[in-house]
Amino acid sequence: MKQIAEESGLPRELDIGYSVLLDKEHLTDQLPTPTHKAHIPAPPTEAEFQTLVEELFHESTYVAKHLSRGDLMPLKYNLDQGMKQVSLRQMLEWRIEIDHHWSVKPGAYGKGLKKLLKPSIWRELEQTYVGPMLEDNWDALFRTISLFRKVANEVAGFLGFRYPDELDQRVVRYLQQVRTSGRPLTRN
C-alpha cells in the first residue's frame, strides 16, 4: 500500500473505485480520488479496426467449415465466442463509445449492452443467437456478419477509417458457396 500511495496515479484496479475499510497506519490518506476512467476504452487505431474486421471474417470461415461438417460444438464456439463475444462485441462497444464521447465503461462480456445500444441494434443482436439446427446457424452466421458490417461501417465513418468492402464481399461469396455446396472449398 505504501508503494501504491507513492505513485502519481491509481492502478487500474483501484481507479474504478475503492473503499478503505481499515487503515491504522494511515497509508491510504494520500491516495488520489478515483477517476473511474480506467476501463473506458480508447478509440481504436485504424490498424486495430482493420484487424478486428479481418478477425471476424477469418473466424467466419471456420464457422462455415464446422457447419458443412455438422460439428455443432466447434461451430457454436467459433460463431458465439469468436465472432460475437470477441469481434462483434468490441465493434458494438466502439459504437457505444462514439455515442457517449468515449466516456462509458462497458460491462464485462457484453453486460449492459442492452441498455446502451439502440433498441433496433439490440434486436438484431438477439436474432444472431439460435439453437442447434444447422440451417438456423447458417442464418445466424449471415445475420452476425450483416450486423457487424452495419456497425463497423458506422464506426469507420465516425473515425475516418475505410471499411474493407472487398474483403467482406469475397468472404461472404465464399460462405455462400460453402453453404450451397455443403462442403468447404479448396483451391486446386
Protein backbone atom coordinates (compact mmCIF):
# COMPACT_ATOMS: atom_id res chain seq x y z
CA MET A 1 0.00 0.00 0.00
CA LYS A 2 2.90 2.33 0.74
CA GLN A 3 4.20 1.85 -2.83
CA ILE A 4 0.74 2.48 -4.33
CA ALA A 5 0.34 5.66 -2.26
CA GLU A 6 3.67 6.97 -3.58
CA GLU A 7 2.62 6.57 -7.23
CA SER A 8 1.33 9.59 -9.15
CA GLY A 9 -1.90 7.85 -10.11
CA LEU A 10 -4.00 4.90 -9.08
CA PRO A 11 -3.59 1.45 -10.61
CA ARG A 12 -6.49 0.41 -12.87
CA GLU A 13 -7.96 -1.91 -10.27
CA LEU A 14 -8.28 0.97 -7.77
CA ASP A 15 -9.23 3.68 -10.26
CA ILE A 16 -12.63 2.03 -10.70
CA GLY A 17 -13.30 2.99 -7.08
CA TYR A 18 -12.28 1.80 -3.66
CA SER A 19 -13.33 1.94 -0.03
CA VAL A 20 -10.84 1.91 2.80
CA LEU A 21 -12.18 -0.37 5.49
CA LEU A 22 -9.34 -0.11 7.99
CA ASP A 23 -6.04 1.78 7.85
CA LYS A 24 -4.43 2.11 11.27
CA GLU A 25 -1.16 3.31 9.75
CA HIS A 26 -2.84 5.96 7.54
CA LEU A 27 -1.19 4.59 4.39
CA THR A 28 -4.25 5.42 2.29
CA ASP A 29 -4.51 9.05 3.36
CA GLN A 30 -2.55 10.19 0.30
CA LEU A 31 -4.36 8.02 -2.27
CA PRO A 32 -5.82 10.08 -5.10
CA THR A 33 -9.54 10.08 -5.71
CA PRO A 34 -10.56 7.53 -8.35
CA THR A 35 -11.25 8.96 -11.82
CA HIS A 36 -13.42 5.97 -12.78
CA LYS A 37 -11.88 6.10 -16.25
CA ALA A 38 -9.52 3.12 -16.10
CA HIS A 39 -11.78 0.76 -18.03
CA ILE A 40 -13.16 3.24 -20.56
CA PRO A 41 -11.80 2.16 -23.92
CA ALA A 42 -9.77 4.49 -26.08
CA PRO A 43 -10.70 4.98 -29.73
CA PRO A 44 -9.13 2.28 -31.90
CA THR A 45 -6.39 2.99 -34.37
CA GLU A 46 -7.19 2.24 -37.98
CA ALA A 47 -4.89 -0.79 -37.76
CA GLU A 48 -6.84 -2.11 -34.73
CA PHE A 49 -10.11 -1.54 -36.57
CA GLN A 50 -8.91 -3.35 -39.71
CA THR A 51 -7.51 -6.23 -37.64
CA LEU A 52 -10.84 -6.70 -35.87
CA VAL A 53 -12.71 -6.78 -39.19
CA GLU A 54 -10.23 -9.30 -40.61
CA GLU A 55 -10.52 -11.48 -37.49
CA LEU A 56 -14.30 -11.63 -37.77
CA PHE A 57 -14.17 -12.70 -41.41
CA HIS A 58 -11.40 -15.20 -40.73
CA GLU A 59 -13.47 -16.71 -37.91
CA SER A 60 -16.50 -16.93 -40.21
CA THR A 61 -14.68 -19.39 -42.49
CA TYR A 62 -14.28 -21.76 -39.54
CA VAL A 63 -17.98 -21.43 -38.76
CA ALA A 64 -18.78 -22.42 -42.35
CA LYS A 65 -16.37 -25.37 -42.21
CA HIS A 66 -17.95 -26.67 -39.00
CA LEU A 67 -21.44 -26.11 -40.35
CA SER A 68 -20.66 -28.06 -43.51
CA ARG A 69 -19.33 -30.93 -41.37
CA GLY A 70 -22.17 -30.79 -38.87
CA ASP A 71 -19.75 -30.15 -35.98
CA LEU A 72 -22.08 -28.39 -33.55
CA MET A 73 -19.76 -27.62 -30.64
CA PRO A 74 -16.88 -26.09 -32.61
CA LEU A 75 -19.29 -24.13 -34.82
CA LYS A 76 -21.04 -22.68 -31.76
CA TYR A 77 -17.67 -21.81 -30.23
CA ASN A 78 -16.47 -20.01 -33.38
CA LEU A 79 -19.82 -18.29 -34.01
CA ASP A 80 -20.86 -17.35 -30.48
CA GLN A 81 -17.44 -16.86 -28.89
CA GLY A 82 -15.05 -15.85 -31.68
CA MET A 83 -17.35 -13.87 -33.89
CA LYS A 84 -19.84 -12.43 -31.42
CA GLN A 85 -18.23 -12.29 -27.99
CA VAL A 86 -14.86 -11.11 -29.31
CA SER A 87 -15.27 -9.25 -32.61
CA LEU A 88 -18.89 -8.12 -32.71
CA ARG A 89 -18.94 -7.12 -29.03
CA GLN A 90 -15.81 -4.99 -29.48
CA MET A 91 -17.31 -3.24 -32.51
CA LEU A 92 -20.57 -2.63 -30.62
CA GLU A 93 -18.61 -1.17 -27.71
CA TRP A 94 -16.74 1.19 -30.04
CA ARG A 95 -20.10 2.28 -31.46
CA ILE A 96 -21.41 2.92 -27.96
CA GLU A 97 -18.30 4.93 -27.09
CA ILE A 98 -18.82 7.11 -30.17
CA ASP A 99 -22.36 7.86 -28.99
CA HIS A 100 -21.06 8.71 -25.49
CA HIS A 101 -17.85 10.55 -26.45
CA TRP A 102 -15.59 7.78 -25.12
CA SER A 103 -16.85 8.16 -21.56
CA VAL A 104 -18.73 4.90 -20.83
CA LYS A 105 -17.29 1.88 -19.09
CA PRO A 106 -18.77 -1.15 -20.89
CA GLY A 107 -19.58 -4.17 -18.76
CA ALA A 108 -17.55 -7.34 -18.95
CA TYR A 109 -18.58 -9.85 -21.64
CA GLY A 110 -21.24 -7.51 -23.00
CA LYS A 111 -23.05 -6.96 -19.71
CA GLY A 112 -25.12 -3.80 -20.02
CA LEU A 113 -25.12 -3.68 -23.83
CA LYS A 114 -28.89 -3.89 -23.96
CA LYS A 115 -29.33 -0.55 -22.18
CA LEU A 116 -26.53 1.17 -24.15
CA LEU A 117 -27.37 0.04 -27.69
CA LYS A 118 -30.14 1.39 -29.86
CA PRO A 119 -33.14 -0.94 -29.47
CA SER A 120 -33.03 -1.84 -33.18
CA ILE A 121 -29.39 -2.93 -32.91
CA TRP A 122 -30.16 -4.95 -29.79
CA ARG A 123 -33.00 -6.75 -31.62
CA GLU A 124 -30.63 -7.56 -34.49
CA LEU A 125 -28.10 -8.90 -31.99
CA GLU A 126 -30.74 -11.10 -30.36
CA GLN A 127 -31.54 -12.59 -33.77
CA THR A 128 -27.96 -13.86 -34.12
CA TYR A 129 -28.47 -16.35 -31.27
CA VAL A 130 -30.03 -19.67 -32.22
CA GLY A 131 -30.13 -23.29 -31.10
CA PRO A 132 -28.53 -26.42 -32.59
CA MET A 133 -30.21 -26.62 -36.01
CA LEU A 134 -27.58 -26.24 -38.75
CA GLU A 135 -29.78 -24.19 -41.08
CA ASP A 136 -30.61 -21.80 -38.24
CA ASN A 137 -26.88 -21.39 -37.57
CA TRP A 138 -26.21 -20.61 -41.25
CA ASP A 139 -28.81 -17.86 -40.98
CA ALA A 140 -27.28 -16.67 -37.71
CA LEU A 141 -23.84 -16.53 -39.34
CA PHE A 142 -25.09 -14.23 -42.10
CA ARG A 143 -27.12 -12.11 -39.63
CA THR A 144 -23.99 -11.73 -37.47
CA ILE A 145 -21.99 -10.56 -40.47
CA SER A 146 -24.77 -8.20 -41.53
CA LEU A 147 -24.96 -6.59 -38.08
CA PHE A 148 -21.18 -6.39 -37.82
CA ARG A 149 -20.98 -4.77 -41.27
CA LYS A 150 -23.62 -2.18 -40.38
CA VAL A 151 -21.98 -1.20 -37.10
CA ALA A 152 -18.42 -1.36 -38.49
CA ASN A 153 -19.38 0.97 -41.35
CA GLU A 154 -20.80 3.44 -38.81
CA VAL A 155 -17.65 3.22 -36.67
CA ALA A 156 -15.44 3.60 -39.74
CA GLY A 157 -17.41 6.64 -40.85
CA PHE A 158 -17.17 8.37 -37.49
CA LEU A 159 -13.45 7.65 -37.11
CA GLY A 160 -12.48 8.39 -40.72
CA PHE A 161 -11.50 4.78 -41.46
CA ARG A 162 -12.13 2.69 -44.55
CA TYR A 163 -14.32 -0.39 -44.24
CA PRO A 164 -12.87 -3.26 -46.34
CA ASP A 165 -15.84 -3.87 -48.64
CA GLU A 166 -13.83 -6.09 -50.97
CA LEU A 167 -12.82 -8.45 -48.15
CA ASP A 168 -16.40 -8.55 -46.91
CA GLN A 169 -17.78 -9.37 -50.37
CA ARG A 170 -15.13 -12.04 -51.08
CA VAL A 171 -15.68 -13.84 -47.79
CA VAL A 172 -19.47 -13.66 -47.99
CA ARG A 173 -19.33 -15.12 -51.53
CA TYR A 174 -17.14 -17.93 -50.22
CA LEU A 175 -19.51 -18.61 -47.30
CA GLN A 176 -22.50 -18.73 -49.65
CA GLN A 177 -20.65 -21.19 -51.89
CA VAL A 178 -19.85 -23.42 -48.91
CA ARG A 179 -23.49 -23.28 -47.83
CA THR A 180 -24.69 -24.21 -51.31
CA SER A 181 -22.13 -26.97 -51.93
CA GLY A 182 -22.29 -28.40 -48.43
CA ARG A 183 -18.51 -28.58 -48.06
CA PRO A 184 -15.56 -26.24 -47.57
CA LEU A 185 -13.97 -25.20 -50.86
CA THR A 186 -10.31 -25.79 -51.55
CA ARG A 187 -8.06 -24.28 -54.17
CA ASN A 188 -6.90 -26.56 -56.96
